[in-house]
């Protein structure tokens, strides 16, 4: 997998961890009294009170680990060589090469489509001859 795909995958991982962290914190947060004018909120019975206290730490650690992996991938990106003019020249060369390869690919595709048509015509002739719908030429 190339470095850009790895970076995209790592960004998706960070987003998923963040989403799960906020969802978990929101879901497991204890009720809080908003004002002295309101009654005390009922306590939510939980069997895993220790787990609730440890979840933010575990989720934070996972988020930090994913961020460090992202930083490592960014550090592995190649450093740009030369000035802007050299980079533009290289881009132009790559675009010209891409265009040439695209034209060759289109020629091969056209040739393959032509060959497919010939094979289909021959197949139709053979099947017609086998079914005696046409006399052989």
Protein backbone atom coordinates (compact mmCIF):
# COMPACT_ATOMS: atom_id res chain seq x y z
CA UNK A 1 0.00 0.00 0.00
CA UNK A 2 1.44 3.41 -0.91
CA UNK A 3 2.10 6.10 1.68
CA UNK A 4 -0.88 8.27 0.68
CA UNK A 5 -3.29 5.36 1.08
CA UNK A 6 -1.75 4.60 4.46
CA UNK A 7 -2.22 8.23 5.50
CA UNK A 8 -5.86 8.15 4.39
CA UNK A 9 -6.41 4.91 6.31
CA UNK A 10 -4.80 6.41 9.41
CA UNK A 11 -7.01 9.52 9.19
CA UNK A 12 -10.04 7.21 8.99
CA UNK A 13 -8.76 5.32 12.04
CA UNK A 14 -8.31 8.55 14.00
CA UNK A 15 -11.82 9.67 13.03
CA UNK A 16 -13.31 6.32 14.10
CA UNK A 17 -11.49 6.38 17.44
CA UNK A 18 -12.60 9.96 18.05
CA UNK A 19 -16.19 9.14 17.16
CA UNK A 20 -16.19 6.11 19.46
CA UNK A 21 -14.52 8.08 22.26
CA UNK A 22 -17.11 10.85 22.21
CA UNK A 23 -19.94 8.35 21.91
CA UNK A 24 -18.66 6.27 24.79
CA UNK A 25 -18.10 9.29 27.03
CA UNK A 26 -21.56 10.62 26.22
CA UNK A 27 -23.22 7.25 26.78
CA UNK A 28 -21.44 6.46 30.04
CA UNK A 29 -21.36 9.93 31.61
CA UNK A 30 -23.07 10.06 34.99
CA UNK A 31 -26.13 12.29 35.29
CA UNK A 32 -25.42 15.79 36.55
CA UNK A 33 -27.74 18.21 38.31
CA UNK A 34 -28.04 21.30 36.12
CA UNK A 35 -29.54 23.67 38.67
CA UNK A 36 -30.48 23.63 42.33
CA UNK A 37 -34.04 24.28 41.16
CA UNK A 38 -34.21 20.84 39.57
CA UNK A 39 -34.40 17.56 41.47
CA UNK A 40 -31.36 15.36 41.75
CA UNK A 41 -31.14 13.10 38.66
CA UNK A 42 -31.61 9.40 39.27
CA UNK A 43 -28.44 7.36 39.40
CA UNK A 44 -27.94 4.93 36.57
CA UNK A 45 -27.20 1.49 37.95
CA UNK A 46 -24.04 0.09 36.39
CA UNK A 47 -22.20 -3.12 36.95
CA UNK A 48 -18.96 -1.88 35.46
CA UNK A 49 -18.13 1.28 37.42
CA UNK A 50 -14.43 0.49 37.28
CA UNK A 51 -14.63 0.03 33.52
CA UNK A 52 -16.32 3.44 33.12
CA UNK A 53 -13.44 5.10 34.92
CA UNK A 54 -10.81 3.31 32.82
CA UNK A 55 -12.46 3.74 29.41
CA UNK A 56 -11.44 7.38 28.85
CA UNK A 57 -7.81 6.48 29.58
CA UNK A 58 -7.85 3.54 27.18
CA UNK A 59 -9.59 5.52 24.46
CA UNK A 60 -7.19 8.46 24.92
CA UNK A 61 -4.23 6.11 24.68
CA UNK A 62 -5.61 4.64 21.44
CA UNK A 63 -6.11 8.13 20.01
CA UNK A 64 -2.57 9.19 20.93
CA UNK A 65 -1.15 5.99 19.42
CA UNK A 66 -3.05 6.57 16.16
CA UNK A 67 -1.85 10.19 16.05
CA UNK A 68 1.76 9.07 16.55
CA UNK A 69 1.40 6.54 13.73
CA UNK A 70 0.05 9.34 11.53
CA UNK A 71 3.05 11.53 12.43
CA UNK A 72 5.37 8.65 11.56
CA UNK A 73 3.73 8.27 8.15
CA UNK A 74 3.97 12.01 7.50
CA UNK A 75 7.66 11.92 8.40
CA UNK A 76 8.12 9.10 5.86
CA UNK A 77 6.82 11.25 3.01
CA UNK A 78 9.53 12.07 0.48
CA UNK A 79 11.01 15.54 0.68
CA UNK A 80 10.36 17.65 -2.39
CA UNK A 81 13.45 18.02 -4.49
CA UNK A 82 14.34 21.17 -6.36
CA UNK A 83 12.47 24.38 -6.75
CA UNK A 84 8.96 24.95 -8.02
CA UNK A 85 10.10 25.22 -11.63
CA UNK A 86 11.76 21.77 -11.50
CA UNK A 87 8.64 20.29 -9.94
CA UNK A 88 6.43 21.83 -12.65
CA UNK A 89 8.75 20.43 -15.31
CA UNK A 90 8.53 16.96 -13.75
CA UNK A 91 4.73 17.23 -13.58
CA UNK A 92 4.62 18.17 -17.28
CA UNK A 93 6.84 15.18 -18.15
CA UNK A 94 4.64 12.83 -16.13
CA UNK A 95 1.49 14.21 -17.77
CA UNK A 96 3.03 13.70 -21.24
CA UNK A 97 4.00 10.14 -20.31
CA UNK A 98 0.51 9.53 -18.96
CA UNK A 99 -1.03 10.83 -22.19
CA UNK A 100 1.18 8.54 -24.30
CA UNK A 101 0.33 5.51 -22.18
CA UNK A 102 -3.36 6.45 -22.34
CA UNK A 103 -3.26 6.61 -26.14
CA UNK A 104 -1.54 3.22 -26.32
CA UNK A 105 -4.11 1.76 -23.97
CA UNK A 106 -6.93 3.18 -26.11
CA UNK A 107 -5.36 1.62 -29.26
CA UNK A 108 -5.17 -1.75 -27.50
CA UNK A 109 -8.76 -1.40 -26.30
CA UNK A 110 -9.96 -0.60 -29.83
CA UNK A 111 -8.07 -3.61 -31.20
CA UNK A 112 -9.55 -5.86 -28.51
CA UNK A 113 -13.08 -4.63 -29.26
CA UNK A 114 -12.54 -5.30 -32.97
CA UNK A 115 -11.28 -8.80 -32.20
CA UNK A 116 -14.28 -9.39 -29.93
CA UNK A 117 -16.64 -8.42 -32.76
CA UNK A 118 -14.88 -10.86 -35.10
CA UNK A 119 -15.09 -13.66 -32.55
CA UNK A 120 -18.78 -12.93 -31.96
CA UNK A 121 -19.48 -13.03 -35.72
CA UNK A 122 -17.63 -16.33 -36.07
CA UNK A 123 -19.45 -17.74 -33.06
CA UNK A 124 -22.80 -16.75 -34.55
CA UNK A 125 -21.88 -18.40 -37.86
CA UNK A 126 -20.79 -21.58 -36.10
CA UNK A 127 -23.93 -21.79 -33.99
CA UNK A 128 -26.14 -21.11 -37.01
CA UNK A 129 -24.36 -23.85 -38.95
CA UNK A 130 -24.68 -26.25 -36.04
CA UNK A 131 -28.40 -25.61 -35.81
CA UNK A 132 -28.75 -25.91 -39.57
CA UNK A 133 -30.39 -22.56 -39.78
CA UNK A 134 -28.00 -21.52 -42.50
CA UNK A 135 -26.17 -23.50 -45.07
CA UNK A 136 -22.38 -23.25 -44.85
CA UNK A 137 -20.86 -20.62 -47.12
